[in-house]
Amino acid sequence: MTNDLQFSWRLSGSGWATCLIKDRSSERKDIVSYCTDALADLLHGVAGLYGPIPVQRFSFDLEPAEVRWVLRRRGSDVDVAIYRFPDMSASFNAPDQNGTLVWNSMQPRDLLGHVVVEAAQSVLQAHGEDGYRAKWVQHPFPIAALQDLRRLHLQHDVCPAPGRCRVAP
C-alpha cells in the first residue's frame, strides 16, 4: 500500500473531532462539531460509492461554517472535492460551486474505502462505543455504518491490508 492518501478522525473534546485528509500534495484539517452525525455521514457517503449513484455528498458543521464533501466515482477512482461555506445555515441548498474549493484529490476507491474504515475502527478501538458516546454526546458510534462500509470494501475492492479491515469492532 502506498501512502498517497491518509485520513484520520480524532475525538478532540466534548462534541468535537479533528478530521484530517492528506495526499502527496496537500492536506485539509477541520475541527468538526457534533451538531451533525458527522462520522456516520462520512461512512455512509463512502459506502454509497459502491452503489448505483455516482455522486455522494455530506457536510460537516464547523460552527458556523460548513465543509461539504463531494465524492464523484470515476471508474475505479473517486474525485474527492471539499468545499467550504462560511455559514452552514445559509448554505444548506447552495450549489457546490457557491462554496470555495479547499481540497481536491483523485484517489482509488479501494484506498479511500480502506483509510476511512481504518480511521473509524481506530476511533472505536480507542474509545469503545460508550466512550465515543460520552465524548461525541449527540450521537452513538455508527457501528452499523462501519460494518456496512467494511463489508462493501472487502467484497468489491482489493484491500491493501485485508487483515486490518477484517478486525471486528
Protein backbone atom coordinates (compact mmCIF):
# COMPACT_ATOMS: atom_id res chain seq x y z
CA MET A 1 0.00 0.00 0.00
CA THR A 2 1.28 3.45 -0.84
CA ASN A 3 0.91 6.39 1.48
CA ASP A 4 -0.68 8.54 -1.21
CA LEU A 5 -3.78 9.03 0.93
CA GLN A 6 -4.01 9.42 4.68
CA PHE A 7 -7.14 10.01 6.72
CA SER A 8 -7.72 10.39 10.44
CA TRP A 9 -10.66 11.14 12.70
CA ARG A 10 -9.80 12.01 16.29
CA LEU A 11 -12.17 13.00 19.06
CA SER A 12 -10.66 16.23 20.33
CA GLY A 13 -13.03 17.26 23.11
CA SER A 14 -16.61 17.03 24.16
CA GLY A 15 -18.57 17.30 20.91
CA TRP A 16 -15.55 17.96 18.67
CA ALA A 17 -13.44 15.87 16.30
CA THR A 18 -10.39 16.66 14.23
CA CYS A 19 -10.70 15.39 10.66
CA LEU A 20 -7.54 15.24 8.54
CA ILE A 21 -7.26 14.12 4.93
CA LYS A 22 -3.92 14.29 3.16
CA ASP A 23 -2.39 13.21 -0.13
CA ARG A 24 1.10 13.72 -1.52
CA SER A 25 0.50 17.34 -2.47
CA SER A 26 -1.88 18.83 0.11
CA GLU A 27 -3.91 18.32 3.24
CA ARG A 28 -7.16 19.53 4.79
CA LYS A 29 -7.79 19.65 8.52
CA ASP A 30 -11.11 20.63 10.08
CA ILE A 31 -12.47 20.75 13.62
CA VAL A 32 -15.90 19.17 13.24
CA SER A 33 -18.88 19.72 15.56
CA TYR A 34 -21.31 17.14 16.90
CA CYS A 35 -24.25 19.16 15.55
CA THR A 36 -24.43 16.54 12.79
CA ASP A 37 -23.69 12.82 12.96
CA ALA A 38 -20.50 13.53 11.03
CA LEU A 39 -18.66 10.21 11.28
CA ALA A 40 -21.81 8.30 10.30
CA ASP A 41 -22.35 10.68 7.37
CA LEU A 42 -18.78 10.08 6.20
CA LEU A 43 -19.14 6.29 6.44
CA HIS A 44 -22.49 6.33 4.61
CA GLY A 45 -21.08 8.65 1.93
CA VAL A 46 -18.09 6.43 1.19
CA ALA A 47 -20.30 3.30 1.30
CA GLY A 48 -22.60 4.98 -1.25
CA LEU A 49 -19.74 4.87 -3.77
CA TYR A 50 -20.33 1.12 -4.04
CA GLY A 51 -23.93 1.60 -5.22
CA PRO A 52 -25.55 2.91 -8.40
CA ILE A 53 -25.39 6.64 -7.53
CA PRO A 54 -22.04 8.02 -8.75
CA VAL A 55 -22.00 11.20 -6.61
CA GLN A 56 -22.19 11.29 -2.80
CA ARG A 57 -22.44 14.48 -0.73
CA PHE A 58 -22.26 15.09 3.01
CA SER A 59 -21.40 18.06 5.19
CA PHE A 60 -19.59 18.70 8.44
CA ASP A 61 -20.66 21.53 10.70
CA LEU A 62 -17.73 23.67 11.83
CA GLU A 63 -19.98 26.09 13.75
CA PRO A 64 -20.82 28.24 11.90
CA ALA A 65 -19.01 27.22 8.72
CA GLU A 66 -19.74 24.14 6.62
CA VAL A 67 -17.38 21.87 4.74
CA ARG A 68 -19.17 19.85 2.10
CA TRP A 69 -17.54 16.72 0.75
CA VAL A 70 -18.46 15.75 -2.80
CA LEU A 71 -17.33 12.28 -3.86
CA ARG A 72 -17.59 11.52 -7.59
CA ARG A 73 -16.93 7.98 -8.72
CA ARG A 74 -14.95 7.87 -11.97
CA GLY A 75 -14.45 4.20 -12.84
CA SER A 76 -12.37 2.68 -10.05
CA ASP A 77 -11.30 6.13 -8.83
CA VAL A 78 -13.02 8.80 -6.76
CA ASP A 79 -12.70 12.54 -7.17
CA VAL A 80 -12.78 13.90 -3.61
CA ALA A 81 -13.66 17.60 -3.51
CA ILE A 82 -14.17 19.58 -0.30
CA TYR A 83 -15.96 22.93 -0.45
CA ARG A 84 -16.10 25.46 2.38
CA PHE A 85 -19.10 27.69 3.03
CA PRO A 86 -18.95 30.49 5.62
CA ASP A 87 -22.31 29.68 7.26
CA MET A 88 -23.90 26.24 7.31
CA SER A 89 -27.38 27.59 7.96
CA ALA A 90 -27.18 29.80 4.86
CA SER A 91 -25.57 27.23 2.54
CA PHE A 92 -27.96 24.29 3.05
CA ASN A 93 -29.29 24.18 -0.54
CA ALA A 94 -26.49 26.16 -2.18
CA PRO A 95 -24.80 24.60 -5.22
CA ASP A 96 -21.32 23.21 -4.58
CA GLN A 97 -19.70 25.87 -6.75
CA ASN A 98 -21.02 28.59 -4.41
CA GLY A 99 -18.51 27.33 -1.86
CA THR A 100 -14.74 27.65 -2.02
CA LEU A 101 -12.91 24.55 -3.19
CA VAL A 102 -10.43 23.96 -0.33
CA TRP A 103 -9.17 20.45 -1.13
CA ASN A 104 -9.32 18.14 -4.13
CA SER A 105 -7.73 14.80 -4.96
CA MET A 106 -8.35 11.85 -7.26
CA GLN A 107 -7.92 8.57 -5.38
CA PRO A 108 -8.59 4.88 -5.98
CA ARG A 109 -11.87 3.85 -4.35
CA ASP A 110 -10.20 0.88 -2.68
CA LEU A 111 -7.69 3.16 -0.95
CA LEU A 112 -10.35 5.71 0.10
CA GLY A 113 -12.57 2.94 1.49
CA HIS A 114 -9.63 1.42 3.33
CA VAL A 115 -8.35 4.59 5.03
CA VAL A 116 -11.87 5.58 6.14
CA VAL A 117 -12.55 2.09 7.58
CA GLU A 118 -9.21 2.15 9.41
CA ALA A 119 -9.81 5.62 10.84
CA ALA A 120 -13.30 4.78 12.13
CA GLN A 121 -12.03 1.50 13.53
CA SER A 122 -9.24 3.37 15.35
CA VAL A 123 -11.80 5.66 16.98
CA LEU A 124 -13.84 2.67 18.11
CA GLN A 125 -10.78 0.84 19.45
CA ALA A 126 -9.56 3.95 21.29
CA HIS A 127 -12.86 4.89 22.93
CA GLY A 128 -15.30 1.99 22.65
CA GLU A 129 -18.97 2.65 21.99
CA ASP A 130 -19.63 4.08 25.48
CA GLY A 131 -16.54 6.30 25.41
CA TYR A 132 -17.44 7.59 21.96
CA ARG A 133 -20.96 8.47 23.09
CA ALA A 134 -19.58 10.22 26.19
CA LYS A 135 -17.27 12.38 24.06
CA TRP A 136 -19.44 12.87 20.94
CA VAL A 137 -22.55 13.41 23.11
CA GLN A 138 -25.31 13.76 20.50
CA HIS A 139 -24.84 10.53 18.55
CA PRO A 140 -23.76 6.94 19.24
CA PHE A 141 -20.83 5.37 17.44
CA PRO A 142 -22.02 4.43 13.92
CA ILE A 143 -21.27 0.73 14.27
CA ALA A 144 -23.71 -0.41 11.55
CA ALA A 145 -22.32 2.14 9.08
CA LEU A 146 -18.75 0.98 9.79
CA GLN A 147 -19.72 -2.68 9.37
CA ASP A 148 -21.52 -1.88 6.10
CA LEU A 149 -18.56 0.04 4.64
CA ARG A 150 -16.13 -2.68 5.76
CA ARG A 151 -18.30 -5.38 4.11
CA LEU A 152 -18.58 -3.42 0.84
CA HIS A 153 -14.86 -2.63 0.80
CA LEU A 154 -13.84 -6.26 1.35
CA GLN A 155 -16.43 -7.54 -1.14
CA HIS A 156 -15.66 -5.15 -4.02
CA ASP A 157 -12.08 -3.92 -3.58
CA VAL A 158 -8.62 -5.34 -3.42
CA CYS A 159 -7.96 -4.27 0.16
CA PRO A 160 -4.36 -3.09 0.65
CA ALA A 161 -4.34 -4.58 4.20
CA PRO A 162 -7.22 -7.07 4.50
CA GLY A 163 -6.16 -8.31 7.94
CA ARG A 164 -6.71 -4.86 9.41
CA CYS A 165 -10.07 -4.40 7.68
CA ARG A 166 -11.37 -7.72 8.99
CA VAL A 167 -10.94 -6.71 12.63
CA ALA A 168 -14.37 -6.92 14.23
CA PRO A 169 -15.43 -4.00 16.38
